[in-house]
Protein backbone atom coordinates (compact mmCIF):
# COMPACT_ATOMS: atom_id res chain seq x y z
CA SER A 1 -15.32 1.57 12.40
CA MET A 2 -13.50 4.86 12.99
CA THR A 3 -13.59 7.69 10.44
CA PHE A 4 -11.83 11.07 10.34
CA ILE A 5 -12.63 13.67 7.66
CA VAL A 6 -10.67 16.91 7.69
CA GLY A 7 -12.09 19.83 5.67
CA ALA A 8 -8.81 21.79 5.41
CA GLY A 9 -5.19 21.17 6.39
CA ASN A 10 -3.63 18.15 8.08
CA LEU A 11 -4.79 15.32 10.27
CA GLY A 12 -2.03 15.23 12.87
CA MET A 13 1.53 16.44 12.35
CA PRO A 14 4.81 14.58 11.70
CA ALA A 15 6.02 15.12 15.30
CA ALA A 16 2.51 14.79 16.79
CA PRO A 17 0.45 12.12 14.99
CA VAL A 18 -3.15 11.46 15.99
CA LEU A 19 -2.99 8.40 18.26
CA ILE A 20 -5.92 5.98 18.03
CA ASN A 21 -6.97 2.67 19.56
CA THR A 22 -9.40 0.86 17.25
CA LEU A 23 -11.39 -2.19 18.28
CA PRO A 24 -10.18 -5.51 16.81
CA GLY A 25 -11.64 -6.02 13.33
CA SER A 26 -12.94 -2.44 12.97
CA LEU A 27 -12.00 -0.42 9.90
CA PHE A 28 -10.10 2.88 9.98
CA ASN A 29 -11.03 5.45 7.31
CA ALA A 30 -9.59 8.94 6.95
CA TYR A 31 -9.33 11.86 4.54
CA ALA A 32 -7.20 15.00 4.77
CA PRO A 33 -6.51 17.49 1.96
CA GLY A 34 -3.06 18.11 3.49
CA GLY A 35 -0.85 15.63 5.34
CA LEU A 36 -2.15 12.67 7.34
CA TYR A 37 -0.28 11.28 10.38
CA VAL A 38 -1.94 8.54 12.46
CA GLY A 39 -0.67 5.85 14.85
CA GLU A 40 -2.53 2.82 16.24
CA VAL A 41 -1.23 2.49 19.81
CA SER A 42 -2.16 -1.13 20.59
CA GLY A 43 -2.87 -3.89 18.14
CA ASP A 44 -3.63 -3.98 14.44
CA LEU A 45 -4.71 -1.15 12.15
CA LEU A 46 -7.23 -2.39 9.56
CA ILE A 47 -7.52 0.13 6.71
CA GLY A 48 -10.78 0.76 4.86
CA LEU A 49 -9.74 3.83 2.84
CA VAL A 50 -7.14 6.40 3.90
CA GLN A 51 -6.44 9.29 1.55
CA SER A 52 -4.33 12.45 1.80
CA GLY A 53 -3.56 15.32 -0.53
CA GLY A 54 -0.03 15.47 0.88
CA ARG A 55 2.42 13.40 2.85
CA MET A 56 1.16 10.43 4.90
CA ALA A 57 2.55 8.39 7.81
CA LEU A 58 0.67 5.42 9.29
CA SER A 59 1.88 3.18 12.10
CA ALA A 60 0.56 0.26 14.12
CA ALA A 61 1.84 -1.52 17.22
CA GLY A 62 0.63 -4.77 15.61
CA ASN A 63 -0.09 -5.40 11.92
CA LEU A 64 -1.10 -2.85 9.28
CA MET A 65 -3.56 -4.42 6.81
CA ASP A 66 -6.35 -3.44 4.43
CA ASN A 67 -9.85 -4.89 4.16
CA GLY A 68 -8.91 -6.91 1.06
CA THR A 69 -12.32 -7.92 -0.27
CA GLY A 70 -11.25 -8.62 -3.87
CA GLN A 71 -8.17 -10.22 -5.36
CA PRO A 72 -4.76 -8.55 -5.00
CA MET A 73 -3.83 -6.15 -7.82
CA SER A 74 -0.76 -8.27 -8.62
CA SER A 75 -2.92 -11.38 -9.17
CA ALA A 76 -5.31 -9.46 -11.42
CA LEU A 77 -2.47 -7.95 -13.46
CA LYS A 78 -0.70 -11.29 -13.84
CA ALA A 79 -3.92 -12.96 -15.00
CA ALA A 80 -4.63 -10.12 -17.43
CA ILE A 81 -1.14 -10.29 -18.95
CA THR A 82 -1.37 -14.08 -19.27
CA MET A 83 -4.71 -13.73 -21.08
CA LYS A 84 -3.33 -11.08 -23.39
CA GLN A 85 -0.20 -13.12 -24.22
CA SER A 86 -2.18 -16.31 -24.84
CA GLY A 87 -3.54 -14.85 -28.09
CA MET A 88 -7.23 -14.59 -27.24
CA ALA A 89 -7.87 -11.86 -29.80
CA ALA A 90 -11.60 -11.09 -29.75
CA ASN A 91 -12.29 -11.69 -26.07
CA ALA A 92 -8.86 -10.78 -24.67
CA LEU A 93 -9.62 -7.12 -24.06
CA LEU A 94 -12.97 -7.86 -22.42
CA GLN A 95 -11.42 -10.55 -20.20
CA LEU A 96 -8.52 -8.22 -19.37
CA LEU A 97 -10.92 -5.50 -18.23
CA GLU A 98 -13.06 -7.97 -16.25
CA THR A 99 -9.97 -9.32 -14.48
CA LEU A 100 -8.73 -5.86 -13.54
CA ALA A 101 -12.21 -4.88 -12.32
CA LEU A 102 -12.01 -7.69 -9.73
CA ALA A 103 -8.85 -6.23 -8.17
CA ASP A 104 -8.92 -4.38 -4.88
CA PRO A 105 -8.47 -0.63 -5.31
CA PRO A 106 -5.59 0.76 -3.22
CA ALA A 107 -6.70 1.33 0.39
CA ILE A 108 -3.95 3.89 0.98
CA ARG A 109 -3.69 6.87 -1.39
CA ALA A 110 -1.05 9.46 -0.56
CA GLY A 111 -0.62 12.70 -2.49
CA GLY A 112 3.00 12.93 -1.31
CA ASN A 113 5.59 10.75 0.43
CA LEU A 114 4.27 7.69 2.24
CA HIS A 115 5.75 6.18 5.42
CA LEU A 116 4.38 2.91 6.86
CA ALA A 117 5.53 1.28 10.12
CA ALA A 118 4.32 -1.77 12.06
CA GLY A 119 5.56 -3.85 14.96
CA GLY A 120 4.11 -6.85 13.11
CA SER A 121 3.55 -7.16 9.36
CA ILE A 122 2.38 -4.73 6.70
CA GLY A 123 0.11 -6.63 4.34
CA SER A 124 0.30 -10.39 3.90
CA LEU A 125 0.95 -12.87 1.09
CA LEU A 126 -2.80 -13.55 0.77
CA ASN A 127 -3.76 -9.88 1.17
CA PRO A 128 -1.04 -7.42 0.09
CA LEU A 129 -1.61 -3.87 1.32
CA GLY A 130 -2.83 -1.76 -1.62
CA ILE A 131 -1.10 1.62 -1.92
CA LEU A 132 -0.87 4.50 -4.37
CA THR A 133 1.58 7.34 -3.74
CA SER A 134 2.85 10.25 -5.81
CA GLY A 135 5.93 10.58 -3.57
CA SER A 136 8.54 8.19 -2.24
CA LEU A 137 7.84 5.14 -0.06
CA THR A 138 9.60 4.44 3.23
CA GLY A 139 8.78 2.03 6.01
CA MET A 140 9.67 -0.72 8.42
CA ALA A 141 7.96 -3.83 9.70
CA GLY A 142 8.86 -6.36 12.36
CA GLY A 143 7.55 -9.11 10.07
CA GLU A 144 6.64 -8.94 6.38
CA PHE A 145 6.23 -5.83 4.20
CA ILE A 146 3.94 -6.89 1.33
CA LEU A 147 2.46 -4.28 -1.02
CA ASP A 148 0.56 -3.94 -4.30
CA THR A 149 0.28 -0.75 -6.32
CA PRO A 150 -1.54 -0.04 -9.59
CA GLY A 151 1.12 2.57 -10.39
CA GLY A 152 4.86 2.94 -10.01
CA VAL A 153 6.75 3.54 -6.78
CA SER A 154 9.96 5.23 -5.69
CA ILE A 155 11.52 3.36 -2.76
CA ALA A 156 13.49 5.50 -0.32
CA GLY A 157 14.03 2.90 2.42
CA LEU A 158 12.20 -0.29 3.41
CA THR A 159 13.22 -2.65 6.22
CA ALA A 160 11.51 -5.96 7.05
CA ASN A 161 12.12 -9.68 7.28
CA LEU A 162 10.46 -10.14 3.86
CA VAL A 163 9.77 -7.33 1.36
CA SER A 164 7.42 -8.14 -1.52
CA LEU A 165 6.34 -5.39 -3.90
CA HIS A 166 4.18 -5.76 -7.00
CA ALA A 167 3.58 -2.73 -9.23
CA ASP A 168 2.08 -1.82 -12.57
CA GLY A 169 4.67 0.84 -13.30
CA LEU A 170 8.24 1.93 -12.83
CA ILE A 171 9.95 0.90 -9.57
CA THR A 172 12.91 3.09 -8.61
CA GLY A 173 15.19 3.60 -5.64
CA LYS A 174 16.60 6.82 -4.25
CA GLY A 175 20.15 5.42 -4.45
CA ALA A 176 21.43 6.99 -1.22
CA GLY A 177 22.52 4.06 0.95
CA TYR A 178 20.39 0.92 0.91
CA ASP A 179 16.88 1.24 -0.51
CA ILE A 180 15.75 -2.13 0.88
CA ILE A 181 17.06 -4.19 3.81
CA ALA A 182 15.43 -7.62 4.07
CA ASN A 183 16.13 -11.33 4.53
CA GLY A 184 13.84 -12.09 1.57
CA LEU A 185 12.93 -9.93 -1.40
CA VAL A 186 10.40 -10.16 -4.26
CA ILE A 187 9.98 -7.21 -6.62
CA ARG A 188 7.81 -7.47 -9.70
CA THR A 189 6.46 -4.92 -12.15
CA PHE A 190 3.99 -5.64 -14.92
CA GLY A 191 4.15 -2.33 -16.72
CA GLY A 192 7.55 -0.76 -16.18
CA ASP A 193 11.17 -1.26 -15.26
CA ILE A 194 12.98 -1.90 -12.01
């Protein structure tokens, strides 16, 4: 695996990201209290945990994926809502909490705007990329763009063949031009509006 920990400031800059070349199957982990700007120059970028206190931009020549050891957040939320709606009074809350505990935590946590780019896909149907951002989300993928978030998200521009976004909060767009350009689109929220 490859790990970067920055004590103060940024890891890379918007115009000069840190360029890396990870071995196939190895995890990339990083923390920066400021911005975080990293690009994988050849192949896939497999995320363990990447966290920034500010803006973040991640790119990969191939696919951008997370480790995905549990079930996707969207599957856990859907199961929890189904249990709650089925009327299981006494055990519903316990089962709801157990189901949510099985979900993957977000592998990408940005304290500001988040930009993701990949020549291949970002996330997959079986393993959506888990994100959490306090800013807007932008990105592009040559294949699929499939994300899960335990919060809400503000979309400021996504382009891919298929965009699939599952959230547990409000999903908004910036409204300037097109927020999403895709041949296929799935947007679902379990705890907010679209």
